[in-house]
Amino acid sequence: MTDGTKLDAHHRKTVEKLFTHPTSHNIQWHDVLSLLQAVADVQETHEGRFRVTLGGETQTFATPRGADVDTQQVVDLRRMLKEAGYDPA
């Protein structure tokens, strides 16, 4: 993982879960949000969504209805993190 930002063990584990194939269906939103707050600019909107800017990209994520992120959110997170140099490879 690059970018010069040191990730703690919990954040590294979350990154590994996000990049696991096949896609894991038990990645908790609060773990993802914690990771994003460590590596990106995260702003909560008045609608309860989170605007995340990482590298040159900004993406808005809705809080999942349950505790876990859905497959499309995992795909979007993988792309953002990989482009910013955060992947377990």
PDB file of N, CA and C in Angstrom:
ATOM      1  N   MET A   1       0.847  -1.178   0.000  1.00  0.00           N
ATOM      2  CA  MET A   1       0.000   0.000   0.000  1.00  0.00           C
ATOM      3  C   MET A   1       0.888   1.235   0.000  1.00  0.00           C
ATOM      4  N   THR A   2       0.459   2.231  -0.733  1.00  0.00           N
ATOM      5  CA  THR A   2       1.295   3.415  -0.892  1.00  0.00           C
ATOM      6  C   THR A   2       0.621   4.647  -0.331  1.00  0.00           C
ATOM      7  N   ASP A   3       1.013   5.803  -0.842  1.00  0.00           N
ATOM      8  CA  ASP A   3       0.462   7.112  -0.507  1.00  0.00           C
ATOM      9  C   ASP A   3       1.117   7.711   0.731  1.00  0.00           C
ATOM     10  N   GLY A   4       1.990   6.980   1.419  1.00  0.00           N
ATOM     11  CA  GLY A   4       2.658   7.521   2.579  1.00  0.00           C
ATOM     12  C   GLY A   4       1.830   7.511   3.843  1.00  0.00           C
ATOM     13  N   THR A   5       0.548   7.214   3.749  1.00  0.00           N
ATOM     14  CA  THR A   5      -0.308   7.152   4.922  1.00  0.00           C
ATOM     15  C   THR A   5      -0.152   5.781   5.557  1.00  0.00           C
ATOM     16  N   LYS A   6       0.151   5.773   6.839  1.00  0.00           N
ATOM     17  CA  LYS A   6       0.300   4.517   7.568  1.00  0.00           C
ATOM     18  C   LYS A   6      -1.079   4.034   8.000  1.00  0.00           C
ATOM     19  N   LEU A   7      -1.414   2.827   7.622  1.00  0.00           N
ATOM     20  CA  LEU A   7      -2.679   2.239   8.031  1.00  0.00           C
ATOM     21  C   LEU A   7      -2.432   1.332   9.226  1.00  0.00           C
ATOM     22  N   ASP A   8      -3.324   1.394  10.200  1.00  0.00           N
ATOM     23  CA  ASP A   8      -3.184   0.473  11.317  1.00  0.00           C
ATOM     24  C   ASP A   8      -3.674  -0.915  10.879  1.00  0.00           C
ATOM     25  N   ALA A   9      -3.493  -1.882  11.741  1.00  0.00           N
ATOM     26  CA  ALA A   9      -3.842  -3.269  11.396  1.00  0.00           C
ATOM     27  C   ALA A   9      -5.318  -3.411  11.054  1.00  0.00           C
ATOM     28  N   HIS A  10      -6.173  -2.690  11.747  1.00  0.00           N
ATOM     29  CA  HIS A  10      -7.616  -2.762  11.489  1.00  0.00           C
ATOM     30  C   HIS A  10      -7.940  -2.249  10.083  1.00  0.00           C
ATOM     31  N   HIS A  11      -7.326  -1.130   9.699  1.00  0.00           N
ATOM     32  CA  HIS A  11      -7.567  -0.565   8.365  1.00  0.00           C
ATOM     33  C   HIS A  11      -7.002  -1.478   7.284  1.00  0.00           C
ATOM     34  N   ARG A  12      -5.822  -2.063   7.511  1.00  0.00           N
ATOM     35  CA  ARG A  12      -5.255  -2.997   6.533  1.00  0.00           C
ATOM     36  C   ARG A  12      -6.165  -4.200   6.340  1.00  0.00           C
ATOM     37  N   LYS A  13      -6.746  -4.704   7.428  1.00  0.00           N
ATOM     38  CA  LYS A  13      -7.669  -5.844   7.333  1.00  0.00           C
ATOM     39  C   LYS A  13      -8.912  -5.471   6.528  1.00  0.00           C
ATOM     40  N   THR A  14      -9.403  -4.257   6.717  1.00  0.00           N
ATOM     41  CA  THR A  14     -10.568  -3.791   5.951  1.00  0.00           C
ATOM     42  C   THR A  14     -10.235  -3.713   4.469  1.00  0.00           C
ATOM     43  N   VAL A  15      -9.053  -3.194   4.132  1.00  0.00           N
ATOM     44  CA  VAL A  15      -8.627  -3.138   2.725  1.00  0.00           C
ATOM     45  C   VAL A  15      -8.562  -4.553   2.155  1.00  0.00           C
ATOM     46  N   GLU A  16      -8.005  -5.485   2.899  1.00  0.00           N
ATOM     47  CA  GLU A  16      -7.916  -6.869   2.428  1.00  0.00           C
ATOM     48  C   GLU A  16      -9.298  -7.456   2.180  1.00  0.00           C
ATOM     49  N   LYS A  17     -10.249  -7.188   3.070  1.00  0.00           N
ATOM     50  CA  LYS A  17     -11.625  -7.679   2.880  1.00  0.00           C
ATOM     51  C   LYS A  17     -12.244  -7.087   1.623  1.00  0.00           C
ATOM     52  N   LEU A  18     -11.995  -5.797   1.388  1.00  0.00           N
ATOM     53  CA  LEU A  18     -12.575  -5.141   0.214  1.00  0.00           C
ATOM     54  C   LEU A  18     -12.046  -5.737  -1.090  1.00  0.00           C
ATOM     55  N   PHE A  19     -10.802  -6.192  -1.091  1.00  0.00           N
ATOM     56  CA  PHE A  19     -10.192  -6.714  -2.309  1.00  0.00           C
ATOM     57  C   PHE A  19     -10.275  -8.240  -2.424  1.00  0.00           C
ATOM     58  N   THR A  20     -10.939  -8.894  -1.490  1.00  0.00           N
ATOM     59  CA  THR A  20     -11.085 -10.349  -1.536  1.00  0.00           C
ATOM     60  C   THR A  20     -12.020 -10.745  -2.676  1.00  0.00           C
ATOM     61  N   HIS A  21     -11.623 -11.808  -3.392  1.00  0.00           N
ATOM     62  CA  HIS A  21     -12.477 -12.370  -4.447  1.00  0.00           C
ATOM     63  C   HIS A  21     -12.834 -13.791  -4.052  1.00  0.00           C
ATOM     64  N   PRO A  22     -14.057 -14.213  -4.150  1.00  0.00           N
ATOM     65  CA  PRO A  22     -15.232 -13.413  -4.510  1.00  0.00           C
ATOM     66  C   PRO A  22     -15.532 -12.371  -3.431  1.00  0.00           C
ATOM     67  N   THR A  23     -16.354 -11.420  -3.797  1.00  0.00           N
ATOM     68  CA  THR A  23     -16.673 -10.307  -2.916  1.00  0.00           C
ATOM     69  C   THR A  23     -17.278 -10.795  -1.614  1.00  0.00           C
ATOM     70  N   SER A  24     -16.712 -10.312  -0.520  1.00  0.00           N
ATOM     71  CA  SER A  24     -17.230 -10.645   0.801  1.00  0.00           C
ATOM     72  C   SER A  24     -18.533  -9.881   1.027  1.00  0.00           C
ATOM     73  N   HIS A  25     -19.458 -10.517   1.707  1.00  0.00           N
ATOM     74  CA  HIS A  25     -20.746  -9.860   1.995  1.00  0.00           C
ATOM     75  C   HIS A  25     -20.870  -9.529   3.475  1.00  0.00           C
ATOM     76  N   ASN A  26     -19.743  -9.519   4.178  1.00  0.00           N
ATOM     77  CA  ASN A  26     -19.798  -9.164   5.586  1.00  0.00           C
ATOM     78  C   ASN A  26     -18.721  -8.140   5.943  1.00  0.00           C
ATOM     79  N   ILE A  27     -18.669  -7.074   5.165  1.00  0.00           N
ATOM     80  CA  ILE A  27     -17.760  -5.966   5.438  1.00  0.00           C
ATOM     81  C   ILE A  27     -18.603  -4.862   6.067  1.00  0.00           C
ATOM     82  N   GLN A  28     -18.322  -4.569   7.314  1.00  0.00           N
ATOM     83  CA  GLN A  28     -19.160  -3.624   8.041  1.00  0.00           C
ATOM     84  C   GLN A  28     -18.885  -2.183   7.628  1.00  0.00           C
ATOM     85  N   TRP A  29     -19.978  -1.434   7.506  1.00  0.00           N
ATOM     86  CA  TRP A  29     -19.897  -0.041   7.076  1.00  0.00           C
ATOM     87  C   TRP A  29     -19.011   0.778   8.019  1.00  0.00           C
ATOM     88  N   HIS A  30     -19.129   0.575   9.324  1.00  0.00           N
ATOM     89  CA  HIS A  30     -18.340   1.401  10.244  1.00  0.00           C
ATOM     90  C   HIS A  30     -16.844   1.145  10.064  1.00  0.00           C
ATOM     91  N   ASP A  31     -16.451  -0.071   9.644  1.00  0.00           N
ATOM     92  CA  ASP A  31     -15.043  -0.340   9.347  1.00  0.00           C
ATOM     93  C   ASP A  31     -14.595   0.404   8.093  1.00  0.00           C
ATOM     94  N   VAL A  32     -15.449   0.406   7.079  1.00  0.00           N
ATOM     95  CA  VAL A  32     -15.143   1.103   5.827  1.00  0.00           C
ATOM     96  C   VAL A  32     -15.060   2.610   6.074  1.00  0.00           C
ATOM     97  N   LEU A  33     -16.002   3.142   6.822  1.00  0.00           N
ATOM     98  CA  LEU A  33     -15.998   4.577   7.110  1.00  0.00           C
ATOM     99  C   LEU A  33     -14.744   4.972   7.887  1.00  0.00           C
ATOM    100  N   SER A  34     -14.335   4.165   8.830  1.00  0.00           N
ATOM    101  CA  SER A  34     -13.113   4.428   9.588  1.00  0.00           C
ATOM    102  C   SER A  34     -11.895   4.450   8.664  1.00  0.00           C
ATOM    103  N   LEU A  35     -11.815   3.487   7.754  1.00  0.00           N
ATOM    104  CA  LEU A  35     -10.731   3.446   6.770  1.00  0.00           C
ATOM    105  C   LEU A  35     -10.737   4.704   5.913  1.00  0.00           C
ATOM    106  N   LEU A  36     -11.899   5.063   5.393  1.00  0.00           N
ATOM    107  CA  LEU A  36     -11.995   6.231   4.530  1.00  0.00           C
ATOM    108  C   LEU A  36     -11.600   7.504   5.265  1.00  0.00           C
ATOM    109  N   GLN A  37     -11.983   7.628   6.519  1.00  0.00           N
ATOM    110  CA  GLN A  37     -11.622   8.809   7.296  1.00  0.00           C
ATOM    111  C   GLN A  37     -10.117   8.881   7.527  1.00  0.00           C
ATOM    112  N   ALA A  38      -9.439   7.733   7.494  1.00  0.00           N
ATOM    113  CA  ALA A  38      -7.987   7.701   7.689  1.00  0.00           C
ATOM    114  C   ALA A  38      -7.229   8.086   6.417  1.00  0.00           C
ATOM    115  N   VAL A  39      -7.813   7.818   5.244  1.00  0.00           N
ATOM    116  CA  VAL A  39      -7.062   8.009   3.992  1.00  0.00           C
ATOM    117  C   VAL A  39      -7.645   9.061   3.066  1.00  0.00           C
ATOM    118  N   ALA A  40      -8.832   9.548   3.344  1.00  0.00           N
ATOM    119  CA  ALA A  40      -9.508  10.455   2.410  1.00  0.00           C
ATOM    120  C   ALA A  40     -10.142  11.618   3.161  1.00  0.00           C
ATOM    121  N   ASP A  41     -10.644  12.569   2.386  1.00  0.00           N
ATOM    122  CA  ASP A  41     -11.442  13.655   2.938  1.00  0.00           C
ATOM    123  C   ASP A  41     -12.889  13.183   2.908  1.00  0.00           C
ATOM    124  N   VAL A  42     -13.505  13.053   4.084  1.00  0.00           N
ATOM    125  CA  VAL A  42     -14.867  12.542   4.189  1.00  0.00           C
ATOM    126  C   VAL A  42     -15.746  13.623   4.800  1.00  0.00           C
ATOM    127  N   GLN A  43     -16.835  13.931   4.101  1.00  0.00           N
ATOM    128  CA  GLN A  43     -17.790  14.916   4.601  1.00  0.00           C
ATOM    129  C   GLN A  43     -19.170  14.288   4.610  1.00  0.00           C
ATOM    130  N   GLU A  44     -19.852  14.389   5.742  1.00  0.00           N
ATOM    131  CA  GLU A  44     -21.220  13.881   5.821  1.00  0.00           C
ATOM    132  C   GLU A  44     -22.166  14.976   5.360  1.00  0.00           C
ATOM    133  N   THR A  45     -23.081  14.625   4.461  1.00  0.00           N
ATOM    134  CA  THR A  45     -24.045  15.595   3.967  1.00  0.00           C
ATOM    135  C   THR A  45     -25.263  15.605   4.885  1.00  0.00           C
ATOM    136  N   HIS A  46     -26.121  16.565   4.680  1.00  0.00           N
ATOM    137  CA  HIS A  46     -27.336  16.664   5.492  1.00  0.00           C
ATOM    138  C   HIS A  46     -28.300  15.506   5.223  1.00  0.00           C
ATOM    139  N   GLU A  47     -28.078  14.785   4.152  1.00  0.00           N
ATOM    140  CA  GLU A  47     -28.933  13.649   3.797  1.00  0.00           C
ATOM    141  C   GLU A  47     -28.429  12.336   4.397  1.00  0.00           C
ATOM    142  N   GLY A  48     -27.349  12.394   5.185  1.00  0.00           N
ATOM    143  CA  GLY A  48     -26.797  11.197   5.781  1.00  0.00           C
ATOM    144  C   GLY A  48     -25.894  10.412   4.848  1.00  0.00           C
ATOM    145  N   ARG A  49     -25.551  11.008   3.734  1.00  0.00           N
ATOM    146  CA  ARG A  49     -24.605  10.384   2.805  1.00  0.00           C
ATOM    147  C   ARG A  49     -23.212  10.894   3.124  1.00  0.00           C
ATOM    148  N   PHE A  50     -22.217  10.214   2.576  1.00  0.00           N
ATOM    149  CA  PHE A  50     -20.834  10.601   2.821  1.00  0.00           C
ATOM    150  C   PHE A  50     -20.149  10.897   1.502  1.00  0.00           C
ATOM    151  N   ARG A  51     -19.635  12.117   1.369  1.00  0.00           N
ATOM    152  CA  ARG A  51     -18.903  12.529   0.178  1.00  0.00           C
ATOM    153  C   ARG A  51     -17.422  12.279   0.461  1.00  0.00           C
ATOM    154  N   VAL A  52     -16.840  11.394  -0.328  1.00  0.00           N
ATOM    155  CA  VAL A  52     -15.471  10.957  -0.100  1.00  0.00           C
ATOM    156  C   VAL A  52     -14.601  11.419  -1.264  1.00  0.00           C
ATOM    157  N   THR A  53     -13.524  12.151  -0.940  1.00  0.00           N
ATOM    158  CA  THR A  53     -12.566  12.573  -1.948  1.00  0.00           C
ATOM    159  C   THR A  53     -11.249  11.880  -1.648  1.00  0.00           C
ATOM    160  N   LEU A  54     -10.800  11.091  -2.605  1.00  0.00           N
ATOM    161  CA  LEU A  54      -9.551  10.346  -2.474  1.00  0.00           C
ATOM    162  C   LEU A  54      -8.801  10.488  -3.781  1.00  0.00           C
ATOM    163  N   GLY A  55      -7.598  11.013  -3.702  1.00  0.00           N
ATOM    164  CA  GLY A  55      -6.868  11.306  -4.927  1.00  0.00           C
ATOM    165  C   GLY A  55      -7.623  12.393  -5.663  1.00  0.00           C
ATOM    166  N   GLY A  56      -7.857  12.214  -6.932  1.00  0.00           N
ATOM    167  CA  GLY A  56      -8.591  13.196  -7.724  1.00  0.00           C
ATOM    168  C   GLY A  56     -10.046  12.850  -7.918  1.00  0.00           C
ATOM    169  N   GLU A  57     -10.536  11.872  -7.175  1.00  0.00           N
ATOM    170  CA  GLU A  57     -11.904  11.392  -7.387  1.00  0.00           C
ATOM    171  C   GLU A  57     -12.776  11.668  -6.167  1.00  0.00           C
ATOM    172  N   THR A  58     -14.022  12.053  -6.436  1.00  0.00           N
ATOM    173  CA  THR A  58     -15.012  12.227  -5.375  1.00  0.00           C
ATOM    174  C   THR A  58     -16.185  11.303  -5.664  1.00  0.00           C
ATOM    175  N   GLN A  59     -16.588  10.572  -4.652  1.00  0.00           N
ATOM    176  CA  GLN A  59     -17.688   9.607  -4.754  1.00  0.00           C
ATOM    177  C   GLN A  59     -18.584   9.822  -3.537  1.00  0.00           C
ATOM    178  N   THR A  60     -19.887   9.666  -3.722  1.00  0.00           N
ATOM    179  CA  THR A  60     -20.823   9.776  -2.611  1.00  0.00           C
ATOM    180  C   THR A  60     -21.358   8.395  -2.285  1.00  0.00           C
ATOM    181  N   PHE A  61     -21.298   8.058  -1.002  1.00  0.00           N
ATOM    182  CA  PHE A  61     -21.768   6.755  -0.533  1.00  0.00           C
ATOM    183  C   PHE A  61     -22.916   6.951   0.440  1.00  0.00           C
ATOM    184  N   ALA A  62     -23.959   6.157   0.264  1.00  0.00           N
ATOM    185  CA  ALA A  62     -25.073   6.156   1.202  1.00  0.00           C
ATOM    186  C   ALA A  62     -24.774   5.140   2.296  1.00  0.00           C
ATOM    187  N   THR A  63     -25.206   5.458   3.500  1.00  0.00           N
ATOM    188  CA  THR A  63     -25.069   4.504   4.587  1.00  0.00           C
ATOM    189  C   THR A  63     -25.962   3.310   4.278  1.00  0.00           C
ATOM    190  N   PRO A  64     -25.423   2.098   4.323  1.00  0.00           N
ATOM    191  CA  PRO A  64     -26.244   0.922   4.015  1.00  0.00           C
ATOM    192  C   PRO A  64     -27.375   0.761   5.027  1.00  0.00           C
ATOM    193  N   ARG A  65     -28.443   0.116   4.609  1.00  0.00           N
ATOM    194  CA  ARG A  65     -29.578  -0.136   5.500  1.00  0.00           C
ATOM    195  C   ARG A  65     -29.189  -1.065   6.646  1.00  0.00           C
ATOM    196  N   GLY A  66     -28.383  -2.054   6.346  1.00  0.00           N
ATOM    197  CA  GLY A  66     -27.892  -2.962   7.378  1.00  0.00           C
ATOM    198  C   GLY A  66     -26.509  -2.522   7.815  1.00  0.00           C
ATOM    199  N   ALA A  67     -25.803  -3.415   8.471  1.00  0.00           N
ATOM    200  CA  ALA A  67     -24.461  -3.093   8.967  1.00  0.00           C
ATOM    201  C   ALA A  67     -23.396  -3.222   7.889  1.00  0.00           C
ATOM    202  N   ASP A  68     -23.669  -4.002   6.829  1.00  0.00           N
ATOM    203  CA  ASP A  68     -22.658  -4.325   5.834  1.00  0.00           C
ATOM    204  C   ASP A  68     -22.840  -3.541   4.539  1.00  0.00           C
ATOM    205  N   VAL A  69     -21.705  -3.286   3.864  1.00  0.00           N
ATOM    206  CA  VAL A  69     -21.757  -2.612   2.570  1.00  0.00           C
ATOM    207  C   VAL A  69     -22.247  -3.598   1.515  1.00  0.00           C
ATOM    208  N   ASP A  70     -22.857  -3.076   0.463  1.00  0.00           N
ATOM    209  CA  ASP A  70     -23.351  -3.955  -0.594  1.00  0.00           C
ATOM    210  C   ASP A  70     -22.287  -4.139  -1.677  1.00  0.00           C
ATOM    211  N   THR A  71     -22.553  -5.029  -2.604  1.00  0.00           N
ATOM    212  CA  THR A  71     -21.581  -5.390  -3.641  1.00  0.00           C
ATOM    213  C   THR A  71     -21.178  -4.195  -4.487  1.00  0.00           C
ATOM    214  N   GLN A  72     -22.120  -3.340  -4.867  1.00  0.00           N
ATOM    215  CA  GLN A  72     -21.782  -2.179  -5.695  1.00  0.00           C
ATOM    216  C   GLN A  72     -20.877  -1.214  -4.939  1.00  0.00           C
ATOM    217  N   GLN A  73     -21.110  -1.032  -3.652  1.00  0.00           N
ATOM    218  CA  GLN A  73     -20.239  -0.175  -2.860  1.00  0.00           C
ATOM    219  C   GLN A  73     -18.822  -0.753  -2.806  1.00  0.00           C
ATOM    220  N   VAL A  74     -18.717  -2.071  -2.679  1.00  0.00           N
ATOM    221  CA  VAL A  74     -17.396  -2.714  -2.673  1.00  0.00           C
ATOM    222  C   VAL A  74     -16.680  -2.457  -3.991  1.00  0.00           C
ATOM    223  N   VAL A  75     -17.382  -2.589  -5.099  1.00  0.00           N
ATOM    224  CA  VAL A  75     -16.786  -2.343  -6.415  1.00  0.00           C
ATOM    225  C   VAL A  75     -16.295  -0.899  -6.509  1.00  0.00           C
ATOM    226  N   ASP A  76     -17.121   0.050  -6.082  1.00  0.00           N
ATOM    227  CA  ASP A  76     -16.742   1.468  -6.126  1.00  0.00           C
ATOM    228  C   ASP A  76     -15.562   1.759  -5.206  1.00  0.00           C
ATOM    229  N   LEU A  77     -15.566   1.164  -4.024  1.00  0.00           N
ATOM    230  CA  LEU A  77     -14.471   1.361  -3.073  1.00  0.00           C
ATOM    231  C   LEU A  77     -13.173   0.769  -3.602  1.00  0.00           C
ATOM    232  N   ARG A  78     -13.239  -0.410  -4.197  1.00  0.00           N
ATOM    233  CA  ARG A  78     -12.046  -1.038  -4.777  1.00  0.00           C
ATOM    234  C   ARG A  78     -11.407  -0.113  -5.809  1.00  0.00           C
ATOM    235  N   ARG A  79     -12.241   0.415  -6.686  1.00  0.00           N
ATOM    236  CA  ARG A  79     -11.734   1.282  -7.751  1.00  0.00           C
ATOM    237  C   ARG A  79     -11.068   2.515  -7.166  1.00  0.00           C
ATOM    238  N   MET A  80     -11.735   3.168  -6.232  1.00  0.00           N
ATOM    239  CA  MET A  80     -11.183   4.384  -5.621  1.00  0.00           C
ATOM    240  C   MET A  80      -9.874   4.092  -4.898  1.00  0.00           C
ATOM    241  N   LEU A  81      -9.879   3.050  -4.096  1.00  0.00           N
ATOM    242  CA  LEU A  81      -8.694   2.731  -3.309  1.00  0.00           C
ATOM    243  C   LEU A  81      -7.527   2.310  -4.199  1.00  0.00           C
ATOM    244  N   LYS A  82      -7.824   1.509  -5.219  1.00  0.00           N
ATOM    245  CA  LYS A  82      -6.759   1.048  -6.108  1.00  0.00           C
ATOM    246  C   LYS A  82      -6.126   2.213  -6.846  1.00  0.00           C
ATOM    247  N   GLU A  83      -6.950   3.131  -7.361  1.00  0.00           N
ATOM    248  CA  GLU A  83      -6.428   4.283  -8.092  1.00  0.00           C
ATOM    249  C   GLU A  83      -5.583   5.190  -7.198  1.00  0.00           C
ATOM    250  N   ALA A  84      -5.872   5.172  -5.887  1.00  0.00           N
ATOM    251  CA  ALA A  84      -5.102   6.000  -4.954  1.00  0.00           C
ATOM    252  C   ALA A  84      -3.900   5.249  -4.386  1.00  0.00           C
ATOM    253  N   GLY A  85      -3.720   3.981  -4.798  1.00  0.00           N
ATOM    254  CA  GLY A  85      -2.559   3.224  -4.358  1.00  0.00           C
ATOM    255  C   GLY A  85      -2.784   2.356  -3.141  1.00  0.00           C
ATOM    256  N   TYR A  86      -4.043   2.214  -2.729  1.00  0.00           N
ATOM    257  CA  TYR A  86      -4.354   1.358  -1.581  1.00  0.00           C
ATOM    258  C   TYR A  86      -4.945   0.046  -2.069  1.00  0.00           C
ATOM    259  N   ASP A  87      -4.112  -0.937  -2.170  1.00  0.00           N
ATOM    260  CA  ASP A  87      -4.579  -2.289  -2.432  1.00  0.00           C
ATOM    261  C   ASP A  87      -3.584  -3.236  -1.782  1.00  0.00           C
ATOM    262  N   PRO A  88      -4.013  -4.421  -1.451  1.00  0.00           N
ATOM    263  CA  PRO A  88      -3.140  -5.319  -0.699  1.00  0.00           C
ATOM    264  C   PRO A  88      -1.975  -5.875  -1.512  1.00  0.00           C
ATOM    265  N   ALA A  89      -1.972  -5.683  -2.820  1.00  0.00           N
ATOM    266  CA  ALA A  89      -0.895  -6.235  -3.661  1.00  0.00           C
ATOM    267  C   ALA A  89       0.409  -5.490  -3.464  1.00  0.00           C
TER     268      ALA A  89
END
